[in-house]
Amino acid sequence: ETEIFAAETIGEFKQETGRSVSYMVVSEAGASVYSASKLAAEEFPNFDVNTRSAISIGRRLQDPLAELVKIDPKAIGVGQYQHDMPQKELTEALDGVVEDCVNSVGADLNTASPALLSHIAGINGTIAKNIVAYREENGEFTGRAQLKKVPKLGPKAYEQCAGFLRVAESKNILDNTGVHPESYDAAKGLLEKCGYTTADVKAGRLDELHNRAAKLGYETLSADLGVGVPTLKDIEKELLKPGRDPRDELPPPMLRSDVLDIKDLKEGMELQGTVRNVIDFGAFVDIGVHQDGLVHISQISNKFIKHPSEVLSVGDVVTVRILGVDLKKERISLTMKGIKQK
């Protein structure tokens, strides 16, 4: 109902002004859990639970990871059988997935919240709060080395967390990459052997870095620089894209300006949609109508798959074709077979 209201309002606005406005659907899963939590009360002590929920949903559009880490993964729906599983093992597995996601993306040391920082390797809740307190008392971090001044963040914790924390404002461009401080000498050595400097990293002038490194030989460079070949290739990858966020490589979010009615759907139509749920017998896809369409497991891939999760994940943006529409039962059958996915 909210989406229909928004679409109709946008339509009226376009008719009156000739200007187009788009909107995006954001999952509200777990927002009510967050709004009633101790963390939400600390962040927004003067707001009621409804306002906190609205803020949480809005922030998810800005940075989904930074906001969703504040919610127990079980509260956002992780599968239809989650309540049948041993809860301790499920919690440990989900916490591990969240930590892997956060460490894969990294965190900006000058903007990350305690909730996000606490999922970085080597950082617990107390250290996360100490990092934010240090930032508030002393101003923005100007380099990773300043982490050593944070109370209770010892050498071991620094060793574990430093490579996952970015400092975009640092004069040392390597502080804004996934290169660990222990590998800075190796990174500078690689640049020097390939005829570059850190200034070239900052300016994005490393077009020939890979070719030059390959010509010199990774095994030779590895031996000269004292790091393994996999580490050397990771360093090269980070130097090519300082400040890189792996999420930039994902499909962009879908923006809409109107809502289709199920009556508008015709067999053979191709539409883009977002995977909302993956279950044993298929996947439900939001294609912009009130009802999600079902892609049966037999219609997901041209090759045999044992489970839809082999191909699809919640949040994937896919192109589907309408197989059939049952207006009476309000069911939409979709297929992905024979369609080239972007």
C-alpha atoms as a PDB file:
ATOM      1  CA  GLU A   1       0.000   0.000   0.000  1.00  0.00           C
ATOM      2  CA  THR A   2       2.841   2.387   0.844  1.00  0.00           C
ATOM      3  CA  GLU A   3       4.544   1.674  -2.467  1.00  0.00           C
ATOM      4  CA  ILE A   4       1.332   2.258  -4.414  1.00  0.00           C
ATOM      5  CA  PHE A   5       0.805   5.572  -2.604  1.00  0.00           C
ATOM      6  CA  ALA A   6       4.391   6.647  -3.346  1.00  0.00           C
ATOM      7  CA  ALA A   7       4.116   5.663  -7.015  1.00  0.00           C
ATOM      8  CA  GLU A   8       0.812   7.503  -7.454  1.00  0.00           C
ATOM      9  CA  THR A   9       2.213  10.620  -5.778  1.00  0.00           C
ATOM     10  CA  ILE A  10       5.287  10.512  -8.017  1.00  0.00           C
ATOM     11  CA  GLY A  11       3.028  10.090 -11.056  1.00  0.00           C
ATOM     12  CA  GLU A  12       1.002  13.155 -10.110  1.00  0.00           C
ATOM     13  CA  PHE A  13       4.194  15.130  -9.492  1.00  0.00           C
ATOM     14  CA  LYS A  14       5.521  14.175 -12.928  1.00  0.00           C
ATOM     15  CA  GLN A  15       2.277  15.229 -14.611  1.00  0.00           C
ATOM     16  CA  GLU A  16       2.295  18.590 -12.855  1.00  0.00           C
ATOM     17  CA  THR A  17       5.998  19.427 -13.215  1.00  0.00           C
ATOM     18  CA  GLY A  18       7.325  17.207 -15.991  1.00  0.00           C
ATOM     19  CA  ARG A  19      10.106  16.067 -13.656  1.00  0.00           C
ATOM     20  CA  SER A  20      10.857  12.424 -12.877  1.00  0.00           C
ATOM     21  CA  VAL A  21      11.444  11.091  -9.374  1.00  0.00           C
ATOM     22  CA  SER A  22      12.415   7.530  -8.497  1.00  0.00           C
ATOM     23  CA  TYR A  23      12.064   5.470  -5.354  1.00  0.00           C
ATOM     24  CA  MET A  24      13.587   2.264  -4.050  1.00  0.00           C
ATOM     25  CA  VAL A  25      12.079  -0.533  -1.989  1.00  0.00           C
ATOM     26  CA  VAL A  26      14.141  -1.310   1.129  1.00  0.00           C
ATOM     27  CA  SER A  27      13.555  -4.361   3.297  1.00  0.00           C
ATOM     28  CA  GLU A  28      12.206  -3.519   6.742  1.00  0.00           C
ATOM     29  CA  ALA A  29      13.135  -6.929   8.183  1.00  0.00           C
ATOM     30  CA  GLY A  30      14.418  -6.556  11.732  1.00  0.00           C
ATOM     31  CA  ALA A  31      13.743  -2.811  11.939  1.00  0.00           C
ATOM     32  CA  SER A  32      11.276  -3.272  14.791  1.00  0.00           C
ATOM     33  CA  VAL A  33      13.820  -5.416  16.665  1.00  0.00           C
ATOM     34  CA  TYR A  34      16.435  -2.678  16.314  1.00  0.00           C
ATOM     35  CA  SER A  35      14.023   0.102  17.308  1.00  0.00           C
ATOM     36  CA  ALA A  36      13.319  -1.564  20.669  1.00  0.00           C
ATOM     37  CA  SER A  37      16.960  -2.440  21.363  1.00  0.00           C
ATOM     38  CA  LYS A  38      19.309  -0.880  23.893  1.00  0.00           C
ATOM     39  CA  LEU A  39      21.561   0.277  21.049  1.00  0.00           C
ATOM     40  CA  ALA A  40      18.715   2.180  19.352  1.00  0.00           C
ATOM     41  CA  ALA A  41      17.844   3.846  22.655  1.00  0.00           C
ATOM     42  CA  GLU A  42      21.479   4.936  23.032  1.00  0.00           C
ATOM     43  CA  GLU A  43      21.646   6.272  19.470  1.00  0.00           C
ATOM     44  CA  PHE A  44      18.258   8.025  19.492  1.00  0.00           C
ATOM     45  CA  PRO A  45      17.156   8.550  23.109  1.00  0.00           C
ATOM     46  CA  ASN A  46      14.628  11.251  22.178  1.00  0.00           C
ATOM     47  CA  PHE A  47      12.810   9.299  19.449  1.00  0.00           C
ATOM     48  CA  ASP A  48      10.024   6.740  19.744  1.00  0.00           C
ATOM     49  CA  VAL A  49      10.311   3.225  18.302  1.00  0.00           C
ATOM     50  CA  ASN A  50       8.467   4.110  15.083  1.00  0.00           C
ATOM     51  CA  THR A  51      10.887   6.927  14.294  1.00  0.00           C
ATOM     52  CA  ARG A  52      13.873   4.715  15.106  1.00  0.00           C
ATOM     53  CA  SER A  53      12.546   2.073  12.702  1.00  0.00           C
ATOM     54  CA  ALA A  54      12.154   4.662   9.943  1.00  0.00           C
ATOM     55  CA  ILE A  55      15.712   5.901  10.491  1.00  0.00           C
ATOM     56  CA  SER A  56      17.056   2.351  10.385  1.00  0.00           C
ATOM     57  CA  ILE A  57      15.290   1.641   7.085  1.00  0.00           C
ATOM     58  CA  GLY A  58      16.550   4.904   5.576  1.00  0.00           C
ATOM     59  CA  ARG A  59      20.113   4.212   6.675  1.00  0.00           C
ATOM     60  CA  ARG A  60      19.992   0.807   5.013  1.00  0.00           C
ATOM     61  CA  LEU A  61      19.727   2.571   1.682  1.00  0.00           C
ATOM     62  CA  GLN A  62      22.839   4.618   2.494  1.00  0.00           C
ATOM     63  CA  ASP A  63      24.960   1.745   3.829  1.00  0.00           C
ATOM     64  CA  PRO A  64      23.181  -1.597   4.333  1.00  0.00           C
ATOM     65  CA  LEU A  65      26.137  -3.310   6.012  1.00  0.00           C
ATOM     66  CA  ALA A  66      26.760  -0.575   8.583  1.00  0.00           C
ATOM     67  CA  GLU A  67      23.096  -0.643   9.613  1.00  0.00           C
ATOM     68  CA  LEU A  68      22.295  -4.350   9.479  1.00  0.00           C
ATOM     69  CA  VAL A  69      25.202  -5.308  11.761  1.00  0.00           C
ATOM     70  CA  LYS A  70      23.179  -3.711  14.564  1.00  0.00           C
ATOM     71  CA  ILE A  71      20.552  -6.441  14.274  1.00  0.00           C
ATOM     72  CA  ASP A  72      20.741 -10.119  15.216  1.00  0.00           C
ATOM     73  CA  PRO A  73      20.887 -11.942  11.840  1.00  0.00           C
ATOM     74  CA  LYS A  74      18.133 -14.303  13.000  1.00  0.00           C
ATOM     75  CA  ALA A  75      15.794 -11.292  13.201  1.00  0.00           C
ATOM     76  CA  ILE A  76      16.078 -10.520   9.488  1.00  0.00           C
ATOM     77  CA  GLY A  77      15.095 -13.997   8.311  1.00  0.00           C
ATOM     78  CA  VAL A  78      17.806 -16.415   7.214  1.00  0.00           C
ATOM     79  CA  GLY A  79      15.681 -19.308   6.002  1.00  0.00           C
ATOM     80  CA  GLN A  80      12.463 -21.124   6.713  1.00  0.00           C
ATOM     81  CA  TYR A  81      14.138 -23.772   8.886  1.00  0.00           C
ATOM     82  CA  GLN A  82      16.171 -21.482  11.156  1.00  0.00           C
ATOM     83  CA  HIS A  83      14.021 -22.259  14.217  1.00  0.00           C
ATOM     84  CA  ASP A  84      14.558 -26.001  13.763  1.00  0.00           C
ATOM     85  CA  MET A  85      18.343 -25.708  13.969  1.00  0.00           C
ATOM     86  CA  PRO A  86      20.506 -25.824  17.123  1.00  0.00           C
ATOM     87  CA  GLN A  87      20.450 -22.155  18.109  1.00  0.00           C
ATOM     88  CA  LYS A  88      23.992 -22.002  19.501  1.00  0.00           C
ATOM     89  CA  GLU A  89      25.527 -23.420  16.327  1.00  0.00           C
ATOM     90  CA  LEU A  90      23.289 -21.220  14.165  1.00  0.00           C
ATOM     91  CA  THR A  91      24.327 -18.096  16.065  1.00  0.00           C
ATOM     92  CA  GLU A  92      28.023 -18.967  15.754  1.00  0.00           C
ATOM     93  CA  ALA A  93      27.676 -19.629  12.022  1.00  0.00           C
ATOM     94  CA  LEU A  94      25.765 -16.404  11.375  1.00  0.00           C
ATOM     95  CA  ASP A  95      28.177 -14.324  13.457  1.00  0.00           C
ATOM     96  CA  GLY A  96      31.010 -15.793  11.401  1.00  0.00           C
ATOM     97  CA  VAL A  97      29.300 -14.798   8.155  1.00  0.00           C
ATOM     98  CA  VAL A  98      28.724 -11.244   9.406  1.00  0.00           C
ATOM     99  CA  GLU A  99      32.365 -10.922  10.470  1.00  0.00           C
ATOM    100  CA  ASP A 100      33.538 -12.228   7.093  1.00  0.00           C
ATOM    101  CA  CYS A 101      31.347  -9.667   5.301  1.00  0.00           C
ATOM    102  CA  VAL A 102      32.550  -6.748   7.415  1.00  0.00           C
ATOM    103  CA  ASN A 103      36.215  -7.696   7.071  1.00  0.00           C
ATOM    104  CA  SER A 104      35.836  -8.243   3.337  1.00  0.00           C
ATOM    105  CA  VAL A 105      34.440  -4.733   2.866  1.00  0.00           C
ATOM    106  CA  GLY A 106      36.531  -3.052   5.563  1.00  0.00           C
ATOM    107  CA  ALA A 107      35.548  -0.032   7.625  1.00  0.00           C
ATOM    108  CA  ASP A 108      36.339   3.678   7.510  1.00  0.00           C
ATOM    109  CA  LEU A 109      38.102   4.409  10.784  1.00  0.00           C
ATOM    110  CA  ASN A 110      36.697   7.945  10.880  1.00  0.00           C
ATOM    111  CA  THR A 111      33.037   7.145  10.283  1.00  0.00           C
ATOM    112  CA  ALA A 112      32.430   3.567  11.475  1.00  0.00           C
ATOM    113  CA  SER A 113      30.111   3.042  14.430  1.00  0.00           C
ATOM    114  CA  PRO A 114      30.993   0.856  17.433  1.00  0.00           C
ATOM    115  CA  ALA A 115      28.517  -1.739  16.122  1.00  0.00           C
ATOM    116  CA  LEU A 116      30.420  -2.031  12.836  1.00  0.00           C
ATOM    117  CA  LEU A 117      33.892  -1.855  14.389  1.00  0.00           C
ATOM    118  CA  SER A 118      33.076  -4.646  16.840  1.00  0.00           C
ATOM    119  CA  HIS A 119      32.823  -7.071  13.905  1.00  0.00           C
ATOM    120  CA  ILE A 120      36.356  -6.291  12.695  1.00  0.00           C
ATOM    121  CA  ALA A 121      38.894  -9.004  13.521  1.00  0.00           C
ATOM    122  CA  GLY A 122      40.639  -8.333  16.842  1.00  0.00           C
ATOM    123  CA  ILE A 123      38.142  -5.701  18.017  1.00  0.00           C
ATOM    124  CA  ASN A 124      35.576  -6.403  20.724  1.00  0.00           C
ATOM    125  CA  GLY A 125      32.756  -4.176  21.933  1.00  0.00           C
ATOM    126  CA  THR A 126      34.901  -2.359  24.498  1.00  0.00           C
ATOM    127  CA  ILE A 127      37.725  -1.585  22.059  1.00  0.00           C
ATOM    128  CA  ALA A 128      35.189  -0.459  19.438  1.00  0.00           C
ATOM    129  CA  LYS A 129      33.744   2.086  21.880  1.00  0.00           C
ATOM    130  CA  ASN A 130      37.257   3.193  22.831  1.00  0.00           C
ATOM    131  CA  ILE A 131      38.104   3.830  19.164  1.00  0.00           C
ATOM    132  CA  VAL A 132      35.050   6.050  18.741  1.00  0.00           C
ATOM    133  CA  ALA A 133      35.753   7.818  22.059  1.00  0.00           C
ATOM    134  CA  TYR A 134      39.363   8.482  20.982  1.00  0.00           C
ATOM    135  CA  ARG A 135      38.095   9.855  17.659  1.00  0.00           C
ATOM    136  CA  GLU A 136      35.636  12.172  19.388  1.00  0.00           C
ATOM    137  CA  GLU A 137      38.245  13.444  21.855  1.00  0.00           C
ATOM    138  CA  ASN A 138      41.188  13.846  19.462  1.00  0.00           C
ATOM    139  CA  GLY A 139      39.579  14.439  16.088  1.00  0.00           C
ATOM    140  CA  GLU A 140      39.814  12.297  12.973  1.00  0.00           C
ATOM    141  CA  PHE A 141      42.443   9.595  12.672  1.00  0.00           C
ATOM    142  CA  THR A 142      45.200  10.691  10.303  1.00  0.00           C
ATOM    143  CA  GLY A 143      46.823   7.266  10.014  1.00  0.00           C
ATOM    144  CA  ARG A 144      46.495   3.653  11.062  1.00  0.00           C
ATOM    145  CA  ALA A 145      49.412   3.943  13.480  1.00  0.00           C
ATOM    146  CA  GLN A 146      47.247   6.105  15.760  1.00  0.00           C
ATOM    147  CA  LEU A 147      45.262   3.000  16.630  1.00  0.00           C
ATOM    148  CA  LYS A 148      48.130   2.043  18.938  1.00  0.00           C
ATOM    149  CA  LYS A 149      47.140   4.966  21.174  1.00  0.00           C
ATOM    150  CA  VAL A 150      43.598   3.663  21.705  1.00  0.00           C
ATOM    151  CA  PRO A 151      43.115   2.287  25.248  1.00  0.00           C
ATOM    152  CA  LYS A 152      43.083  -1.538  25.473  1.00  0.00           C
ATOM    153  CA  LEU A 153      44.000  -1.947  21.796  1.00  0.00           C
ATOM    154  CA  GLY A 154      47.244  -3.881  22.199  1.00  0.00           C
ATOM    155  CA  PRO A 155      49.824  -5.107  19.652  1.00  0.00           C
ATOM    156  CA  LYS A 156      47.947  -8.353  18.959  1.00  0.00           C
ATOM    157  CA  ALA A 157      44.642  -6.577  18.325  1.00  0.00           C
ATOM    158  CA  TYR A 158      46.425  -4.039  16.105  1.00  0.00           C
ATOM    159  CA  GLU A 159      48.005  -6.836  14.103  1.00  0.00           C
ATOM    160  CA  GLN A 160      44.592  -8.435  13.546  1.00  0.00           C
ATOM    161  CA  CYS A 161      42.527  -5.332  12.758  1.00  0.00           C
ATOM    162  CA  ALA A 162      44.821  -2.839  11.009  1.00  0.00           C
ATOM    163  CA  GLY A 163      44.451  -4.262   7.503  1.00  0.00           C
ATOM    164  CA  PHE A 164      40.656  -4.025   7.634  1.00  0.00           C
ATOM    165  CA  LEU A 165      40.456  -0.380   8.723  1.00  0.00           C
ATOM    166  CA  ARG A 166      40.769   2.424   6.174  1.00  0.00           C
ATOM    167  CA  VAL A 167      41.890   6.015   6.738  1.00  0.00           C
ATOM    168  CA  ALA A 168      40.964   7.976   3.620  1.00  0.00           C
ATOM    169  CA  GLU A 169      42.376  11.184   5.112  1.00  0.00           C
ATOM    170  CA  SER A 170      45.861   9.748   5.697  1.00  0.00           C
ATOM    171  CA  LYS A 171      48.875  11.215   3.894  1.00  0.00           C
ATOM    172  CA  ASN A 172      50.022   7.628   3.379  1.00  0.00           C
ATOM    173  CA  ILE A 173      47.825   6.271   0.572  1.00  0.00           C
ATOM    174  CA  LEU A 174      48.492   2.717   1.775  1.00  0.00           C
ATOM    175  CA  ASP A 175      46.384   3.493   4.861  1.00  0.00           C
ATOM    176  CA  ASN A 176      43.389   3.623   2.513  1.00  0.00           C
ATOM    177  CA  THR A 177      43.948   0.152   1.074  1.00  0.00           C
ATOM    178  CA  GLY A 178      43.636  -3.416   2.289  1.00  0.00           C
ATOM    179  CA  VAL A 179      47.428  -3.694   2.504  1.00  0.00           C
ATOM    180  CA  HIS A 180      48.428  -4.522   6.084  1.00  0.00           C
ATOM    181  CA  PRO A 181      51.026  -2.190   7.668  1.00  0.00           C
ATOM    182  CA  GLU A 182      53.357  -5.193   7.977  1.00  0.00           C
ATOM    183  CA  SER A 183      53.363  -5.374   4.164  1.00  0.00           C
ATOM    184  CA  TYR A 184      53.955  -1.668   3.475  1.00  0.00           C
ATOM    185  CA  ASP A 185      57.642  -2.261   2.719  1.00  0.00           C
ATOM    186  CA  ALA A 186      56.717  -5.028   0.287  1.00  0.00           C
ATOM    187  CA  ALA A 187      54.143  -2.761  -1.385  1.00  0.00           C
ATOM    188  CA  LYS A 188      56.661   0.060  -1.775  1.00  0.00           C
ATOM    189  CA  GLY A 189      59.237  -2.434  -3.019  1.00  0.00           C
ATOM    190  CA  LEU A 190      56.824  -3.732  -5.661  1.00  0.00           C
ATOM    191  CA  LEU A 191      56.113  -0.195  -6.817  1.00  0.00           C
ATOM    192  CA  GLU A 192      59.806   0.660  -7.005  1.00  0.00           C
ATOM    193  CA  LYS A 193      60.715  -2.457  -8.987  1.00  0.00           C
ATOM    194  CA  CYS A 194      57.907  -1.681 -11.435  1.00  0.00           C
ATOM    195  CA  GLY A 195      58.943   1.961 -11.812  1.00  0.00           C
ATOM    196  CA  TYR A 196      56.247   3.564  -9.678  1.00  0.00           C
ATOM    197  CA  THR A 197      55.860   5.457  -6.393  1.00  0.00           C
ATOM    198  CA  THR A 198      53.046   5.864  -3.876  1.00  0.00           C
ATOM    199  CA  ALA A 199      52.231   9.164  -5.610  1.00  0.00           C
ATOM    200  CA  ASP A 200      51.294   7.130  -8.686  1.00  0.00           C
ATOM    201  CA  VAL A 201      48.960   5.032  -6.526  1.00  0.00           C
ATOM    202  CA  LYS A 202      47.177   8.154  -5.323  1.00  0.00           C
ATOM    203  CA  ALA A 203      46.934   9.549  -8.861  1.00  0.00           C
ATOM    204  CA  GLY A 204      45.743   6.250 -10.338  1.00  0.00           C
ATOM    205  CA  ARG A 205      48.695   5.971 -12.718  1.00  0.00           C
ATOM    206  CA  LEU A 206      49.351   2.233 -12.421  1.00  0.00           C
ATOM    207  CA  ASP A 207      48.016   1.046 -15.782  1.00  0.00           C
ATOM    208  CA  GLU A 208      51.090  -1.095 -16.458  1.00  0.00           C
ATOM    209  CA  LEU A 209      51.660  -2.397 -12.923  1.00  0.00           C
ATOM    210  CA  HIS A 210      50.293  -5.865 -13.620  1.00  0.00           C
ATOM    211  CA  ASN A 211      52.153  -6.249 -16.916  1.00  0.00           C
ATOM    212  CA  ARG A 212      55.439  -5.057 -15.412  1.00  0.00           C
ATOM    213  CA  ALA A 213      55.070  -7.336 -12.393  1.00  0.00           C
ATOM    214  CA  ALA A 214      54.254 -10.296 -14.628  1.00  0.00           C
ATOM    215  CA  LYS A 215      57.276  -9.524 -16.806  1.00  0.00           C
ATOM    216  CA  LEU A 216      59.567  -9.443 -13.770  1.00  0.00           C
ATOM    217  CA  GLY A 217      57.981 -12.677 -12.547  1.00  0.00           C
ATOM    218  CA  TYR A 218      55.867 -13.084  -9.425  1.00  0.00           C
ATOM    219  CA  GLU A 219      58.090 -15.849  -8.054  1.00  0.00           C
ATOM    220  CA  THR A 220      61.169 -13.633  -8.395  1.00  0.00           C
ATOM    221  CA  LEU A 221      59.413 -10.609  -6.894  1.00  0.00           C
ATOM    222  CA  SER A 222      58.064 -12.761  -4.077  1.00  0.00           C
ATOM    223  CA  ALA A 223      61.548 -13.943  -3.149  1.00  0.00           C
ATOM    224  CA  ASP A 224      63.034 -10.438  -3.397  1.00  0.00           C
ATOM    225  CA  LEU A 225      60.301  -8.794  -1.307  1.00  0.00           C
ATOM    226  CA  GLY A 226      59.964 -11.540   1.286  1.00  0.00           C
ATOM    227  CA  VAL A 227      56.246 -12.228   0.854  1.00  0.00           C
ATOM    228  CA  GLY A 228      54.313 -15.108  -0.661  1.00  0.00           C
ATOM    229  CA  VAL A 229      52.984 -14.950  -4.211  1.00  0.00           C
ATOM    230  CA  PRO A 230      49.300 -14.850  -3.079  1.00  0.00           C
ATOM    231  CA  THR A 231      50.103 -11.942  -0.732  1.00  0.00           C
ATOM    232  CA  LEU A 232      51.996 -10.173  -3.507  1.00  0.00           C
ATOM    233  CA  LYS A 233      49.037 -10.465  -5.873  1.00  0.00           C
ATOM    234  CA  ASP A 234      46.691  -9.193  -3.158  1.00  0.00           C
ATOM    235  CA  ILE A 235      48.977  -6.186  -2.659  1.00  0.00           C
ATOM    236  CA  GLU A 236      48.954  -5.500  -6.400  1.00  0.00           C
ATOM    237  CA  LYS A 237      45.154  -5.672  -6.457  1.00  0.00           C
ATOM    238  CA  GLU A 238      44.868  -3.204  -3.569  1.00  0.00           C
ATOM    239  CA  LEU A 239      47.360  -0.763  -5.100  1.00  0.00           C
ATOM    240  CA  LEU A 240      45.326  -0.622  -8.295  1.00  0.00           C
ATOM    241  CA  LYS A 241      42.186   0.483  -6.448  1.00  0.00           C
ATOM    242  CA  PRO A 242      42.922   2.411  -3.241  1.00  0.00           C
ATOM    243  CA  GLY A 243      39.772   2.960  -1.220  1.00  0.00           C
ATOM    244  CA  ARG A 244      38.158   0.100  -3.128  1.00  0.00           C
ATOM    245  CA  ASP A 245      34.785  -1.097  -1.883  1.00  0.00           C
ATOM    246  CA  PRO A 246      34.016  -4.572  -3.284  1.00  0.00           C
ATOM    247  CA  ARG A 247      30.308  -3.726  -3.160  1.00  0.00           C
ATOM    248  CA  ASP A 248      30.829  -1.291  -6.044  1.00  0.00           C
ATOM    249  CA  GLU A 249      31.156  -4.319  -8.316  1.00  0.00           C
ATOM    250  CA  LEU A 250      27.675  -5.567  -7.408  1.00  0.00           C
ATOM    251  CA  PRO A 251      24.611  -4.692  -9.519  1.00  0.00           C
ATOM    252  CA  PRO A 252      23.263  -1.234  -8.617  1.00  0.00           C
ATOM    253  CA  PRO A 253      20.005  -1.002  -6.652  1.00  0.00           C
ATOM    254  CA  MET A 254      16.802  -0.904  -8.669  1.00  0.00           C
ATOM    255  CA  LEU A 255      15.086   2.473  -8.825  1.00  0.00           C
ATOM    256  CA  ARG A 256      11.408   2.647  -9.739  1.00  0.00           C
ATOM    257  CA  SER A 257       8.932   5.362 -10.574  1.00  0.00           C
ATOM    258  CA  ASP A 258       5.700   3.376 -10.879  1.00  0.00           C
ATOM    259  CA  VAL A 259       4.047   0.132  -9.819  1.00  0.00           C
ATOM    260  CA  LEU A 260       2.745  -2.468 -12.215  1.00  0.00           C
ATOM    261  CA  ASP A 261      -0.555  -4.143 -11.514  1.00  0.00           C
ATOM    262  CA  ILE A 262      -0.698  -7.907 -11.847  1.00  0.00           C
ATOM    263  CA  LYS A 263      -3.253  -7.313 -14.615  1.00  0.00           C
ATOM    264  CA  ASP A 264      -0.557  -5.494 -16.621  1.00  0.00           C
ATOM    265  CA  LEU A 265       1.618  -8.612 -16.814  1.00  0.00           C
ATOM    266  CA  LYS A 266       1.592 -10.603 -20.029  1.00  0.00           C
ATOM    267  CA  GLU A 267       3.153 -13.942 -20.857  1.00  0.00           C
ATOM    268  CA  GLY A 268       6.572 -13.448 -22.452  1.00  0.00           C
ATOM    269  CA  MET A 269       7.312 -10.065 -20.837  1.00  0.00           C
ATOM    270  CA  GLU A 270      10.889  -9.648 -19.589  1.00  0.00           C
ATOM    271  CA  LEU A 271      11.409  -7.698 -16.385  1.00  0.00           C
ATOM    272  CA  GLN A 272      14.146  -7.017 -13.880  1.00  0.00           C
ATOM    273  CA  GLY A 273      13.539  -7.981 -10.296  1.00  0.00           C
ATOM    274  CA  THR A 274      15.162  -8.549  -6.930  1.00  0.00           C
ATOM    275  CA  VAL A 275      15.360 -11.960  -5.271  1.00  0.00           C
ATOM    276  CA  ARG A 276      13.439 -11.705  -1.988  1.00  0.00           C
ATOM    277  CA  ASN A 277      13.592 -15.294  -0.751  1.00  0.00           C
ATOM    278  CA  VAL A 278      15.322 -18.536  -1.728  1.00  0.00           C
ATOM    279  CA  ILE A 279      13.635 -21.782  -0.709  1.00  0.00           C
ATOM    280  CA  ASP A 280      13.967 -25.475  -1.539  1.00  0.00           C
ATOM    281  CA  PHE A 281      11.661 -25.422  -4.556  1.00  0.00           C
ATOM    282  CA  GLY A 282      12.623 -22.078  -6.068  1.00  0.00           C
ATOM    283  CA  ALA A 283      12.999 -18.358  -5.465  1.00  0.00           C
ATOM    284  CA  PHE A 284      10.560 -15.497  -5.033  1.00  0.00           C
ATOM    285  CA  VAL A 285      11.377 -12.394  -7.058  1.00  0.00           C
ATOM    286  CA  ASP A 286      10.014  -8.871  -6.595  1.00  0.00           C
ATOM    287  CA  ILE A 287       9.226  -7.578 -10.096  1.00  0.00           C
ATOM    288  CA  GLY A 288       7.415  -4.416  -9.049  1.00  0.00           C
ATOM    289  CA  VAL A 289       3.894  -5.690  -8.474  1.00  0.00           C
ATOM    290  CA  HIS A 290       2.202  -6.322  -5.144  1.00  0.00           C
ATOM    291  CA  GLN A 291       2.851 -10.071  -5.392  1.00  0.00           C
ATOM    292  CA  ASP A 292       6.307 -11.613  -5.750  1.00  0.00           C
ATOM    293  CA  GLY A 293       6.711 -14.021  -8.645  1.00  0.00           C
ATOM    294  CA  LEU A 294       8.033 -17.571  -8.269  1.00  0.00           C
ATOM    295  CA  VAL A 295      10.924 -18.942 -10.281  1.00  0.00           C
ATOM    296  CA  HIS A 296      10.612 -22.693  -9.813  1.00  0.00           C
ATOM    297  CA  ILE A 297      13.900 -24.555  -9.351  1.00  0.00           C
ATOM    298  CA  SER A 298      13.395 -26.139 -12.778  1.00  0.00           C
ATOM    299  CA  GLN A 299      13.257 -22.652 -14.339  1.00  0.00           C
ATOM    300  CA  ILE A 300      16.339 -21.124 -12.710  1.00  0.00           C
ATOM    301  CA  SER A 301      19.127 -22.549 -14.845  1.00  0.00           C
ATOM    302  CA  ASN A 302      19.657 -24.348 -18.129  1.00  0.00           C
ATOM    303  CA  LYS A 303      21.724 -26.923 -16.246  1.00  0.00           C
ATOM    304  CA  PHE A 304      20.645 -29.200 -13.400  1.00  0.00           C
ATOM    305  CA  ILE A 305      20.939 -27.744  -9.895  1.00  0.00           C
ATOM    306  CA  LYS A 306      20.210 -29.448  -6.581  1.00  0.00           C
ATOM    307  CA  HIS A 307      19.160 -26.274  -4.791  1.00  0.00           C
ATOM    308  CA  PRO A 308      18.302 -22.711  -5.902  1.00  0.00           C
ATOM    309  CA  SER A 309      21.032 -21.336  -3.600  1.00  0.00           C
ATOM    310  CA  GLU A 310      23.628 -22.721  -6.020  1.00  0.00           C
ATOM    311  CA  VAL A 311      22.641 -19.921  -8.395  1.00  0.00           C
ATOM    312  CA  LEU A 312      20.673 -17.318  -6.447  1.00  0.00           C
ATOM    313  CA  SER A 313      21.006 -15.359  -3.223  1.00  0.00           C
ATOM    314  CA  VAL A 314      18.654 -12.928  -1.514  1.00  0.00           C
ATOM    315  CA  GLY A 315      19.220  -9.457  -2.947  1.00  0.00           C
ATOM    316  CA  ASP A 316      20.383 -10.598  -6.391  1.00  0.00           C
ATOM    317  CA  VAL A 317      19.070  -8.490  -9.267  1.00  0.00           C
ATOM    318  CA  VAL A 318      17.933 -10.804 -12.071  1.00  0.00           C
ATOM    319  CA  THR A 319      16.138 -10.664 -15.401  1.00  0.00           C
ATOM    320  CA  VAL A 320      13.077 -12.903 -15.631  1.00  0.00           C
ATOM    321  CA  ARG A 321      10.405 -13.745 -18.195  1.00  0.00           C
ATOM    322  CA  ILE A 322       6.711 -14.137 -17.393  1.00  0.00           C
ATOM    323  CA  LEU A 323       5.613 -17.746 -17.878  1.00  0.00           C
ATOM    324  CA  GLY A 324       2.086 -17.336 -16.639  1.00  0.00           C
ATOM    325  CA  VAL A 325      -0.228 -15.244 -14.486  1.00  0.00           C
ATOM    326  CA  ASP A 326      -3.097 -16.611 -12.397  1.00  0.00           C
ATOM    327  CA  LEU A 327      -5.236 -13.562 -11.615  1.00  0.00           C
ATOM    328  CA  LYS A 328      -7.690 -15.496  -9.452  1.00  0.00           C
ATOM    329  CA  LYS A 329      -5.010 -16.956  -7.169  1.00  0.00           C
ATOM    330  CA  GLU A 330      -2.707 -13.940  -7.668  1.00  0.00           C
ATOM    331  CA  ARG A 331       0.235 -16.130  -8.633  1.00  0.00           C
ATOM    332  CA  ILE A 332       3.003 -15.234 -11.058  1.00  0.00           C
ATOM    333  CA  SER A 333       5.206 -17.890 -12.663  1.00  0.00           C
ATOM    334  CA  LEU A 334       8.630 -16.770 -13.865  1.00  0.00           C
ATOM    335  CA  THR A 335      11.618 -18.251 -15.659  1.00  0.00           C
ATOM    336  CA  MET A 336      15.290 -17.374 -15.986  1.00  0.00           C
ATOM    337  CA  LYS A 337      16.089 -20.056 -18.546  1.00  0.00           C
ATOM    338  CA  GLY A 338      17.472 -18.820 -21.831  1.00  0.00           C
ATOM    339  CA  ILE A 339      17.946 -15.285 -20.496  1.00  0.00           C
ATOM    340  CA  LYS A 340      21.400 -13.741 -20.366  1.00  0.00           C
ATOM    341  CA  GLN A 341      21.874 -12.264 -16.915  1.00  0.00           C
ATOM    342  CA  LYS A 342      23.693  -8.936 -16.616  1.00  0.00           C
END
